[in-house]
Amino acid sequence: MSGMLGSYLMLAAILFCLGLYGALTKRSAVIVLLSIELMLNAVNLNLIAFSKYGVVPGLKGQIFSLFNMTIAAAEAAVGIAILIALYRNKGTANVDEFNEMKR
């Protein structure tokens, strides 16, 4: 059992690091949003793995994971709406261009 938990945690760590790399280095706002989603999915994988293979198995990890998915969906909807508004005003999706809140 412990080997499976380690495999899931390693996969989640790799996914989280890939998401962190994309969020910190990429210039496209769409890629940054996708990278944040990747990091949230890595957290979900950890929650589910600890819930199944942890010391006290139960449904708490699944419940927190569902809550995390609702937060991720709301973040994606609001983030895309803000990105569309900024693209209409600035004409670009480059995050380096979004340093001002005024037109």
PDB file of N, CA and C in Angstrom:
ATOM      1  N   MET A   1       0.819  -1.199   0.000  1.00  0.00           N
ATOM      2  CA  MET A   1       0.000   0.000   0.000  1.00  0.00           C
ATOM      3  C   MET A   1       0.861   1.261   0.000  1.00  0.00           C
ATOM      4  N   SER A   2       1.939   1.244   0.750  1.00  0.00           N
ATOM      5  CA  SER A   2       2.765   2.429   0.871  1.00  0.00           C
ATOM      6  C   SER A   2       3.409   2.806  -0.462  1.00  0.00           C
ATOM      7  N   GLY A   3       3.727   1.811  -1.280  1.00  0.00           N
ATOM      8  CA  GLY A   3       4.329   2.092  -2.578  1.00  0.00           C
ATOM      9  C   GLY A   3       3.394   2.844  -3.508  1.00  0.00           C
ATOM     10  N   MET A   4       2.107   2.510  -3.439  1.00  0.00           N
ATOM     11  CA  MET A   4       1.131   3.210  -4.277  1.00  0.00           C
ATOM     12  C   MET A   4       0.987   4.667  -3.835  1.00  0.00           C
ATOM     13  N   LEU A   5       0.982   4.907  -2.529  1.00  0.00           N
ATOM     14  CA  LEU A   5       0.879   6.272  -2.030  1.00  0.00           C
ATOM     15  C   LEU A   5       2.072   7.090  -2.493  1.00  0.00           C
ATOM     16  N   GLY A   6       3.253   6.513  -2.427  1.00  0.00           N
ATOM     17  CA  GLY A   6       4.454   7.208  -2.886  1.00  0.00           C
ATOM     18  C   GLY A   6       4.399   7.530  -4.367  1.00  0.00           C
ATOM     19  N   SER A   7       3.851   6.632  -5.156  1.00  0.00           N
ATOM     20  CA  SER A   7       3.725   6.877  -6.597  1.00  0.00           C
ATOM     21  C   SER A   7       2.772   8.033  -6.879  1.00  0.00           C
ATOM     22  N   TYR A   8       1.648   8.038  -6.170  1.00  0.00           N
ATOM     23  CA  TYR A   8       0.692   9.129  -6.354  1.00  0.00           C
ATOM     24  C   TYR A   8       1.279  10.465  -5.911  1.00  0.00           C
ATOM     25  N   LEU A   9       1.989  10.453  -4.809  1.00  0.00           N
ATOM     26  CA  LEU A   9       2.585  11.698  -4.319  1.00  0.00           C
ATOM     27  C   LEU A   9       3.676  12.203  -5.254  1.00  0.00           C
ATOM     28  N   MET A  10       4.436  11.291  -5.834  1.00  0.00           N
ATOM     29  CA  MET A  10       5.478  11.695  -6.786  1.00  0.00           C
ATOM     30  C   MET A  10       4.851  12.289  -8.044  1.00  0.00           C
ATOM     31  N   LEU A  11       3.791  11.653  -8.542  1.00  0.00           N
ATOM     32  CA  LEU A  11       3.092  12.189  -9.707  1.00  0.00           C
ATOM     33  C   LEU A  11       2.508  13.565  -9.408  1.00  0.00           C
ATOM     34  N   ALA A  12       1.928  13.737  -8.225  1.00  0.00           N
ATOM     35  CA  ALA A  12       1.357  15.032  -7.843  1.00  0.00           C
ATOM     36  C   ALA A  12       2.447  16.088  -7.722  1.00  0.00           C
ATOM     37  N   ALA A  13       3.600  15.712  -7.188  1.00  0.00           N
ATOM     38  CA  ALA A  13       4.704  16.665  -7.073  1.00  0.00           C
ATOM     39  C   ALA A  13       5.206  17.094  -8.449  1.00  0.00           C
ATOM     40  N   ILE A  14       5.291  16.152  -9.365  1.00  0.00           N
ATOM     41  CA  ILE A  14       5.728  16.487 -10.730  1.00  0.00           C
ATOM     42  C   ILE A  14       4.716  17.412 -11.395  1.00  0.00           C
ATOM     43  N   LEU A  15       3.419  17.098 -11.264  1.00  0.00           N
ATOM     44  CA  LEU A  15       2.387  17.954 -11.845  1.00  0.00           C
ATOM     45  C   LEU A  15       2.420  19.350 -11.242  1.00  0.00           C
ATOM     46  N   PHE A  16       2.590  19.423  -9.921  1.00  0.00           N
ATOM     47  CA  PHE A  16       2.628  20.723  -9.264  1.00  0.00           C
ATOM     48  C   PHE A  16       3.834  21.531  -9.726  1.00  0.00           C
ATOM     49  N   CYS A  17       4.991  20.894  -9.852  1.00  0.00           N
ATOM     50  CA  CYS A  17       6.193  21.603 -10.311  1.00  0.00           C
ATOM     51  C   CYS A  17       6.052  22.079 -11.755  1.00  0.00           C
ATOM     52  N   LEU A  18       5.431  21.263 -12.607  1.00  0.00           N
ATOM     53  CA  LEU A  18       5.186  21.703 -13.981  1.00  0.00           C
ATOM     54  C   LEU A  18       4.245  22.903 -14.016  1.00  0.00           C
ATOM     55  N   GLY A  19       3.206  22.863 -13.194  1.00  0.00           N
ATOM     56  CA  GLY A  19       2.279  23.988 -13.123  1.00  0.00           C
ATOM     57  C   GLY A  19       2.943  25.232 -12.584  1.00  0.00           C
ATOM     58  N   LEU A  20       3.780  25.077 -11.564  1.00  0.00           N
ATOM     59  CA  LEU A  20       4.485  26.229 -10.993  1.00  0.00           C
ATOM     60  C   LEU A  20       5.450  26.827 -12.008  1.00  0.00           C
ATOM     61  N   TYR A  21       6.160  25.967 -12.740  1.00  0.00           N
ATOM     62  CA  TYR A  21       7.060  26.446 -13.785  1.00  0.00           C
ATOM     63  C   TYR A  21       6.288  27.241 -14.846  1.00  0.00           C
ATOM     64  N   GLY A  22       5.146  26.706 -15.279  1.00  0.00           N
ATOM     65  CA  GLY A  22       4.356  27.406 -16.288  1.00  0.00           C
ATOM     66  C   GLY A  22       3.788  28.716 -15.785  1.00  0.00           C
ATOM     67  N   ALA A  23       3.358  28.744 -14.524  1.00  0.00           N
ATOM     68  CA  ALA A  23       2.781  29.972 -13.970  1.00  0.00           C
ATOM     69  C   ALA A  23       3.833  31.058 -13.786  1.00  0.00           C
ATOM     70  N   LEU A  24       5.071  30.678 -13.503  1.00  0.00           N
ATOM     71  CA  LEU A  24       6.107  31.674 -13.234  1.00  0.00           C
ATOM     72  C   LEU A  24       6.889  32.107 -14.469  1.00  0.00           C
ATOM     73  N   THR A  25       6.919  31.289 -15.510  1.00  0.00           N
ATOM     74  CA  THR A  25       7.792  31.618 -16.641  1.00  0.00           C
ATOM     75  C   THR A  25       7.066  31.998 -17.923  1.00  0.00           C
ATOM     76  N   LYS A  26       5.847  31.585 -18.094  1.00  0.00           N
ATOM     77  CA  LYS A  26       5.166  31.836 -19.366  1.00  0.00           C
ATOM     78  C   LYS A  26       4.585  33.241 -19.400  1.00  0.00           C
ATOM     79  N   ARG A  27       4.464  33.790 -20.589  1.00  0.00           N
ATOM     80  CA  ARG A  27       3.954  35.146 -20.751  1.00  0.00           C
ATOM     81  C   ARG A  27       2.493  35.196 -21.162  1.00  0.00           C
ATOM     82  N   SER A  28       1.983  34.132 -21.714  1.00  0.00           N
ATOM     83  CA  SER A  28       0.585  34.109 -22.134  1.00  0.00           C
ATOM     84  C   SER A  28      -0.319  33.891 -20.928  1.00  0.00           C
ATOM     85  N   ALA A  29      -1.338  34.723 -20.797  1.00  0.00           N
ATOM     86  CA  ALA A  29      -2.240  34.635 -19.656  1.00  0.00           C
ATOM     87  C   ALA A  29      -3.036  33.334 -19.681  1.00  0.00           C
ATOM     88  N   VAL A  30      -3.325  32.822 -20.848  1.00  0.00           N
ATOM     89  CA  VAL A  30      -4.055  31.558 -20.954  1.00  0.00           C
ATOM     90  C   VAL A  30      -3.200  30.417 -20.409  1.00  0.00           C
ATOM     91  N   ILE A  31      -1.920  30.402 -20.733  1.00  0.00           N
ATOM     92  CA  ILE A  31      -1.019  29.370 -20.236  1.00  0.00           C
ATOM     93  C   ILE A  31      -0.858  29.489 -18.722  1.00  0.00           C
ATOM     94  N   VAL A  32      -0.827  30.705 -18.203  1.00  0.00           N
ATOM     95  CA  VAL A  32      -0.732  30.897 -16.759  1.00  0.00           C
ATOM     96  C   VAL A  32      -1.972  30.336 -16.069  1.00  0.00           C
ATOM     97  N   LEU A  33      -3.148  30.594 -16.615  1.00  0.00           N
ATOM     98  CA  LEU A  33      -4.376  30.049 -16.033  1.00  0.00           C
ATOM     99  C   LEU A  33      -4.398  28.521 -16.092  1.00  0.00           C
ATOM    100  N   LEU A  34      -3.953  27.949 -17.203  1.00  0.00           N
ATOM    101  CA  LEU A  34      -3.885  26.492 -17.309  1.00  0.00           C
ATOM    102  C   LEU A  34      -2.867  25.900 -16.327  1.00  0.00           C
ATOM    103  N   SER A  35      -1.785  26.611 -16.094  1.00  0.00           N
ATOM    104  CA  SER A  35      -0.788  26.143 -15.139  1.00  0.00           C
ATOM    105  C   SER A  35      -1.335  26.150 -13.715  1.00  0.00           C
ATOM    106  N   ILE A  36      -2.127  27.159 -13.381  1.00  0.00           N
ATOM    107  CA  ILE A  36      -2.754  27.196 -12.062  1.00  0.00           C
ATOM    108  C   ILE A  36      -3.734  26.045 -11.919  1.00  0.00           C
ATOM    109  N   GLU A  37      -4.474  25.746 -12.977  1.00  0.00           N
ATOM    110  CA  GLU A  37      -5.376  24.593 -12.944  1.00  0.00           C
ATOM    111  C   GLU A  37      -4.605  23.286 -12.746  1.00  0.00           C
ATOM    112  N   LEU A  38      -3.445  23.176 -13.363  1.00  0.00           N
ATOM    113  CA  LEU A  38      -2.611  21.986 -13.202  1.00  0.00           C
ATOM    114  C   LEU A  38      -2.147  21.839 -11.758  1.00  0.00           C
ATOM    115  N   MET A  39      -1.788  22.956 -11.120  1.00  0.00           N
ATOM    116  CA  MET A  39      -1.387  22.901  -9.716  1.00  0.00           C
ATOM    117  C   MET A  39      -2.564  22.499  -8.829  1.00  0.00           C
ATOM    118  N   LEU A  40      -3.753  23.009  -9.109  1.00  0.00           N
ATOM    119  CA  LEU A  40      -4.926  22.627  -8.322  1.00  0.00           C
ATOM    120  C   LEU A  40      -5.255  21.151  -8.501  1.00  0.00           C
ATOM    121  N   ASN A  41      -5.062  20.625  -9.705  1.00  0.00           N
ATOM    122  CA  ASN A  41      -5.294  19.193  -9.931  1.00  0.00           C
ATOM    123  C   ASN A  41      -4.265  18.333  -9.200  1.00  0.00           C
ATOM    124  N   ALA A  42      -3.041  18.830  -9.061  1.00  0.00           N
ATOM    125  CA  ALA A  42      -2.041  18.108  -8.282  1.00  0.00           C
ATOM    126  C   ALA A  42      -2.449  18.054  -6.809  1.00  0.00           C
ATOM    127  N   VAL A  43      -3.015  19.138  -6.307  1.00  0.00           N
ATOM    128  CA  VAL A  43      -3.514  19.144  -4.931  1.00  0.00           C
ATOM    129  C   VAL A  43      -4.665  18.150  -4.790  1.00  0.00           C
ATOM    130  N   ASN A  44      -5.557  18.115  -5.774  1.00  0.00           N
ATOM    131  CA  ASN A  44      -6.658  17.151  -5.738  1.00  0.00           C
ATOM    132  C   ASN A  44      -6.140  15.715  -5.700  1.00  0.00           C
ATOM    133  N   LEU A  45      -5.111  15.434  -6.474  1.00  0.00           N
ATOM    134  CA  LEU A  45      -4.526  14.097  -6.479  1.00  0.00           C
ATOM    135  C   LEU A  45      -3.957  13.744  -5.112  1.00  0.00           C
ATOM    136  N   ASN A  46      -3.303  14.701  -4.469  1.00  0.00           N
ATOM    137  CA  ASN A  46      -2.797  14.467  -3.112  1.00  0.00           C
ATOM    138  C   ASN A  46      -3.928  14.197  -2.136  1.00  0.00           C
ATOM    139  N   LEU A  47      -4.988  14.987  -2.212  1.00  0.00           N
ATOM    140  CA  LEU A  47      -6.117  14.807  -1.304  1.00  0.00           C
ATOM    141  C   LEU A  47      -6.744  13.420  -1.453  1.00  0.00           C
ATOM    142  N   ILE A  48      -6.937  13.002  -2.693  1.00  0.00           N
ATOM    143  CA  ILE A  48      -7.536  11.696  -2.941  1.00  0.00           C
ATOM    144  C   ILE A  48      -6.600  10.571  -2.498  1.00  0.00           C
ATOM    145  N   ALA A  49      -5.305  10.714  -2.770  1.00  0.00           N
ATOM    146  CA  ALA A  49      -4.346   9.674  -2.390  1.00  0.00           C
ATOM    147  C   ALA A  49      -4.270   9.536  -0.879  1.00  0.00           C
ATOM    148  N   PHE A  50      -4.213  10.648  -0.154  1.00  0.00           N
ATOM    149  CA  PHE A  50      -4.167  10.557   1.303  1.00  0.00           C
ATOM    150  C   PHE A  50      -5.474  10.028   1.869  1.00  0.00           C
ATOM    151  N   SER A  51      -6.566  10.345   1.188  1.00  0.00           N
ATOM    152  CA  SER A  51      -7.851   9.844   1.649  1.00  0.00           C
ATOM    153  C   SER A  51      -7.943   8.330   1.488  1.00  0.00           C
ATOM    154  N   LYS A  52      -7.368   7.802   0.410  1.00  0.00           N
ATOM    155  CA  LYS A  52      -7.459   6.361   0.165  1.00  0.00           C
ATOM    156  C   LYS A  52      -6.403   5.571   0.919  1.00  0.00           C
ATOM    157  N   TYR A  53      -5.158   6.063   0.913  1.00  0.00           N
ATOM    158  CA  TYR A  53      -4.049   5.297   1.473  1.00  0.00           C
ATOM    159  C   TYR A  53      -3.509   5.873   2.776  1.00  0.00           C
ATOM    160  N   GLY A  54      -4.138   6.894   3.330  1.00  0.00           N
ATOM    161  CA  GLY A  54      -3.619   7.543   4.524  1.00  0.00           C
ATOM    162  C   GLY A  54      -3.781   6.695   5.772  1.00  0.00           C
ATOM    163  N   VAL A  55      -3.395   7.271   6.891  1.00  0.00           N
ATOM    164  CA  VAL A  55      -3.463   6.576   8.171  1.00  0.00           C
ATOM    165  C   VAL A  55      -4.911   6.285   8.554  1.00  0.00           C
ATOM    166  N   VAL A  56      -5.785   7.286   8.342  1.00  0.00           N
ATOM    167  CA  VAL A  56      -7.204   7.113   8.659  1.00  0.00           C
ATOM    168  C   VAL A  56      -7.981   7.291   7.353  1.00  0.00           C
ATOM    169  N   PRO A  57      -8.242   6.206   6.614  1.00  0.00           N
ATOM    170  CA  PRO A  57      -8.973   6.347   5.355  1.00  0.00           C
ATOM    171  C   PRO A  57     -10.405   6.834   5.616  1.00  0.00           C
ATOM    172  N   GLY A  58     -10.900   7.637   4.703  1.00  0.00           N
ATOM    173  CA  GLY A  58     -12.258   8.152   4.834  1.00  0.00           C
ATOM    174  C   GLY A  58     -12.621   8.992   3.629  1.00  0.00           C
ATOM    175  N   LEU A  59     -13.700   9.710   3.751  1.00  0.00           N
ATOM    176  CA  LEU A  59     -14.191  10.523   2.637  1.00  0.00           C
ATOM    177  C   LEU A  59     -13.781  11.985   2.732  1.00  0.00           C
ATOM    178  N   LYS A  60     -13.018  12.363   3.728  1.00  0.00           N
ATOM    179  CA  LYS A  60     -12.665  13.773   3.899  1.00  0.00           C
ATOM    180  C   LYS A  60     -11.856  14.303   2.717  1.00  0.00           C
ATOM    181  N   GLY A  61     -10.956  13.494   2.195  1.00  0.00           N
ATOM    182  CA  GLY A  61     -10.160  13.926   1.047  1.00  0.00           C
ATOM    183  C   GLY A  61     -11.008  14.148  -0.186  1.00  0.00           C
ATOM    184  N   GLN A  62     -11.978  13.275  -0.422  1.00  0.00           N
ATOM    185  CA  GLN A  62     -12.865  13.439  -1.570  1.00  0.00           C
ATOM    186  C   GLN A  62     -13.726  14.690  -1.418  1.00  0.00           C
ATOM    187  N   ILE A  63     -14.170  14.965  -0.209  1.00  0.00           N
ATOM    188  CA  ILE A  63     -15.005  16.152   0.019  1.00  0.00           C
ATOM    189  C   ILE A  63     -14.188  17.419  -0.215  1.00  0.00           C
ATOM    190  N   PHE A  64     -12.970  17.460   0.323  1.00  0.00           N
ATOM    191  CA  PHE A  64     -12.108  18.619   0.082  1.00  0.00           C
ATOM    192  C   PHE A  64     -11.755  18.746  -1.395  1.00  0.00           C
ATOM    193  N   SER A  65     -11.594  17.618  -2.070  1.00  0.00           N
ATOM    194  CA  SER A  65     -11.284  17.648  -3.493  1.00  0.00           C
ATOM    195  C   SER A  65     -12.448  18.222  -4.305  1.00  0.00           C
ATOM    196  N   LEU A  66     -13.672  17.852  -3.958  1.00  0.00           N
ATOM    197  CA  LEU A  66     -14.837  18.440  -4.633  1.00  0.00           C
ATOM    198  C   LEU A  66     -14.917  19.945  -4.395  1.00  0.00           C
ATOM    199  N   PHE A  67     -14.640  20.363  -3.173  1.00  0.00           N
ATOM    200  CA  PHE A  67     -14.614  21.798  -2.874  1.00  0.00           C
ATOM    201  C   PHE A  67     -13.538  22.494  -3.693  1.00  0.00           C
ATOM    202  N   ASN A  68     -12.376  21.868  -3.813  1.00  0.00           N
ATOM    203  CA  ASN A  68     -11.279  22.426  -4.597  1.00  0.00           C
ATOM    204  C   ASN A  68     -11.656  22.520  -6.076  1.00  0.00           C
ATOM    205  N   MET A  69     -12.406  21.548  -6.593  1.00  0.00           N
ATOM    206  CA  MET A  69     -12.838  21.599  -7.997  1.00  0.00           C
ATOM    207  C   MET A  69     -13.809  22.750  -8.247  1.00  0.00           C
ATOM    208  N   THR A  70     -14.686  23.023  -7.272  1.00  0.00           N
ATOM    209  CA  THR A  70     -15.597  24.166  -7.448  1.00  0.00           C
ATOM    210  C   THR A  70     -14.827  25.479  -7.435  1.00  0.00           C
ATOM    211  N   ILE A  71     -13.830  25.571  -6.577  1.00  0.00           N
ATOM    212  CA  ILE A  71     -12.988  26.770  -6.553  1.00  0.00           C
ATOM    213  C   ILE A  71     -12.238  26.915  -7.883  1.00  0.00           C
ATOM    214  N   ALA A  72     -11.746  25.812  -8.424  1.00  0.00           N
ATOM    215  CA  ALA A  72     -11.017  25.851  -9.693  1.00  0.00           C
ATOM    216  C   ALA A  72     -11.928  26.276 -10.839  1.00  0.00           C
ATOM    217  N   ALA A  73     -13.171  25.801 -10.832  1.00  0.00           N
ATOM    218  CA  ALA A  73     -14.112  26.193 -11.890  1.00  0.00           C
ATOM    219  C   ALA A  73     -14.440  27.678 -11.793  1.00  0.00           C
ATOM    220  N   ALA A  74     -14.632  28.168 -10.587  1.00  0.00           N
ATOM    221  CA  ALA A  74     -14.906  29.596 -10.415  1.00  0.00           C
ATOM    222  C   ALA A  74     -13.697  30.433 -10.811  1.00  0.00           C
ATOM    223  N   GLU A  75     -12.506  29.966 -10.464  1.00  0.00           N
ATOM    224  CA  GLU A  75     -11.282  30.685 -10.838  1.00  0.00           C
ATOM    225  C   GLU A  75     -11.125  30.738 -12.348  1.00  0.00           C
ATOM    226  N   ALA A  76     -11.423  29.643 -13.022  1.00  0.00           N
ATOM    227  CA  ALA A  76     -11.306  29.622 -14.482  1.00  0.00           C
ATOM    228  C   ALA A  76     -12.317  30.562 -15.128  1.00  0.00           C
ATOM    229  N   ALA A  77     -13.549  30.557 -14.636  1.00  0.00           N
ATOM    230  CA  ALA A  77     -14.579  31.422 -15.225  1.00  0.00           C
ATOM    231  C   ALA A  77     -14.243  32.898 -15.018  1.00  0.00           C
ATOM    232  N   VAL A  78     -13.858  33.263 -13.808  1.00  0.00           N
ATOM    233  CA  VAL A  78     -13.526  34.664 -13.531  1.00  0.00           C
ATOM    234  C   VAL A  78     -12.243  35.060 -14.248  1.00  0.00           C
ATOM    235  N   GLY A  79     -11.259  34.165 -14.258  1.00  0.00           N
ATOM    236  CA  GLY A  79     -10.002  34.469 -14.936  1.00  0.00           C
ATOM    237  C   GLY A  79     -10.171  34.674 -16.434  1.00  0.00           C
ATOM    238  N   ILE A  80     -10.963  33.836 -17.073  1.00  0.00           N
ATOM    239  CA  ILE A  80     -11.204  33.997 -18.510  1.00  0.00           C
ATOM    240  C   ILE A  80     -11.995  35.270 -18.788  1.00  0.00           C
ATOM    241  N   ALA A  81     -12.955  35.603 -17.925  1.00  0.00           N
ATOM    242  CA  ALA A  81     -13.718  36.841 -18.105  1.00  0.00           C
ATOM    243  C   ALA A  81     -12.812  38.062 -17.982  1.00  0.00           C
ATOM    244  N   ILE A  82     -11.925  38.064 -17.011  1.00  0.00           N
ATOM    245  CA  ILE A  82     -10.974  39.176 -16.857  1.00  0.00           C
ATOM    246  C   ILE A  82     -10.018  39.220 -18.039  1.00  0.00           C
ATOM    247  N   LEU A  83      -9.573  38.066 -18.489  1.00  0.00           N
ATOM    248  CA  LEU A  83      -8.657  38.009 -19.634  1.00  0.00           C
ATOM    249  C   LEU A  83      -9.319  38.553 -20.895  1.00  0.00           C
ATOM    250  N   ILE A  84     -10.568  38.220 -21.120  1.00  0.00           N
ATOM    251  CA  ILE A  84     -11.279  38.741 -22.292  1.00  0.00           C
ATOM    252  C   ILE A  84     -11.418  40.258 -22.207  1.00  0.00           C
ATOM    253  N   ALA A  85     -11.748  40.773 -21.035  1.00  0.00           N
ATOM    254  CA  ALA A  85     -11.868  42.224 -20.862  1.00  0.00           C
ATOM    255  C   ALA A  85     -10.529  42.925 -21.091  1.00  0.00           C
ATOM    256  N   LEU A  86      -9.453  42.354 -20.574  1.00  0.00           N
ATOM    257  CA  LEU A  86      -8.136  42.951 -20.782  1.00  0.00           C
ATOM    258  C   LEU A  86      -7.706  42.858 -22.246  1.00  0.00           C
ATOM    259  N   TYR A  87      -8.044  41.760 -22.910  1.00  0.00           N
ATOM    260  CA  TYR A  87      -7.695  41.618 -24.324  1.00  0.00           C
ATOM    261  C   TYR A  87      -8.431  42.650 -25.174  1.00  0.00           C
ATOM    262  N   ARG A  88      -9.692  42.925 -24.822  1.00  0.00           N
ATOM    263  CA  ARG A  88     -10.438  43.941 -25.568  1.00  0.00           C
ATOM    264  C   ARG A  88      -9.836  45.325 -25.375  1.00  0.00           C
ATOM    265  N   ASN A  89      -9.338  45.617 -24.182  1.00  0.00           N
ATOM    266  CA  ASN A  89      -8.766  46.937 -23.919  1.00  0.00           C
ATOM    267  C   ASN A  89      -7.348  47.077 -24.444  1.00  0.00           C
ATOM    268  N   LYS A  90      -6.509  46.074 -24.226  1.00  0.00           N
ATOM    269  CA  LYS A  90      -5.087  46.173 -24.589  1.00  0.00           C
ATOM    270  C   LYS A  90      -4.768  45.558 -25.943  1.00  0.00           C
ATOM    271  N   GLY A  91      -5.553  44.583 -26.387  1.00  0.00           N
ATOM    272  CA  GLY A  91      -5.285  43.936 -27.667  1.00  0.00           C
ATOM    273  C   GLY A  91      -4.216  42.863 -27.596  1.00  0.00           C
ATOM    274  N   THR A  92      -3.876  42.405 -26.405  1.00  0.00           N
ATOM    275  CA  THR A  92      -2.866  41.360 -26.250  1.00  0.00           C
ATOM    276  C   THR A  92      -3.218  40.478 -25.055  1.00  0.00           C
ATOM    277  N   ALA A  93      -2.682  39.263 -25.064  1.00  0.00           N
ATOM    278  CA  ALA A  93      -2.863  38.346 -23.942  1.00  0.00           C
ATOM    279  C   ALA A  93      -1.552  38.131 -23.199  1.00  0.00           C
ATOM    280  N   ASN A  94      -0.588  39.011 -23.427  1.00  0.00           N
ATOM    281  CA  ASN A  94       0.715  38.918 -22.789  1.00  0.00           C
ATOM    282  C   ASN A  94       0.620  39.507 -21.377  1.00  0.00           C
ATOM    283  N   VAL A  95       1.022  38.746 -20.363  1.00  0.00           N
ATOM    284  CA  VAL A  95       0.884  39.213 -18.982  1.00  0.00           C
ATOM    285  C   VAL A  95       1.828  40.360 -18.664  1.00  0.00           C
ATOM    286  N   ASP A  96       2.891  40.547 -19.439  1.00  0.00           N
ATOM    287  CA  ASP A  96       3.793  41.668 -19.215  1.00  0.00           C
ATOM    288  C   ASP A  96       3.129  43.002 -19.550  1.00  0.00           C
ATOM    289  N   GLU A  97       2.122  42.993 -20.384  1.00  0.00           N
ATOM    290  CA  GLU A  97       1.418  44.210 -20.793  1.00  0.00           C
ATOM    291  C   GLU A  97       0.339  44.625 -19.807  1.00  0.00           C
ATOM    292  N   PHE A  98       0.029  43.773 -18.838  1.00  0.00           N
ATOM    293  CA  PHE A  98      -1.092  44.032 -17.924  1.00  0.00           C
ATOM    294  C   PHE A  98      -0.596  44.628 -16.603  1.00  0.00           C
ATOM    295  N   ASN A  99       0.348  45.531 -16.649  1.00  0.00           N
ATOM    296  CA  ASN A  99       0.884  46.074 -15.414  1.00  0.00           C
ATOM    297  C   ASN A  99       0.131  47.304 -14.920  1.00  0.00           C
ATOM    298  N   GLU A 100      -0.813  47.780 -15.682  1.00  0.00           N
ATOM    299  CA  GLU A 100      -1.609  48.942 -15.273  1.00  0.00           C
ATOM    300  C   GLU A 100      -3.074  48.573 -15.229  1.00  0.00           C
ATOM    301  N   MET A 101      -3.800  49.171 -14.305  1.00  0.00           N
ATOM    302  CA  MET A 101      -5.228  48.897 -14.206  1.00  0.00           C
ATOM    303  C   MET A 101      -6.051  49.899 -15.026  1.00  0.00           C
ATOM    304  N   LYS A 102      -5.423  50.967 -15.447  1.00  0.00           N
ATOM    305  CA  LYS A 102      -6.156  51.946 -16.258  1.00  0.00           C
ATOM    306  C   LYS A 102      -5.916  51.681 -17.740  1.00  0.00           C
ATOM    307  N   ARG A 103      -6.695  52.333 -18.574  1.00  0.00           N
ATOM    308  CA  ARG A 103      -6.548  52.160 -20.030  1.00  0.00           C
ATOM    309  C   ARG A 103      -5.320  52.830 -20.476  1.00  0.00           C
TER     310      ARG A 103
END
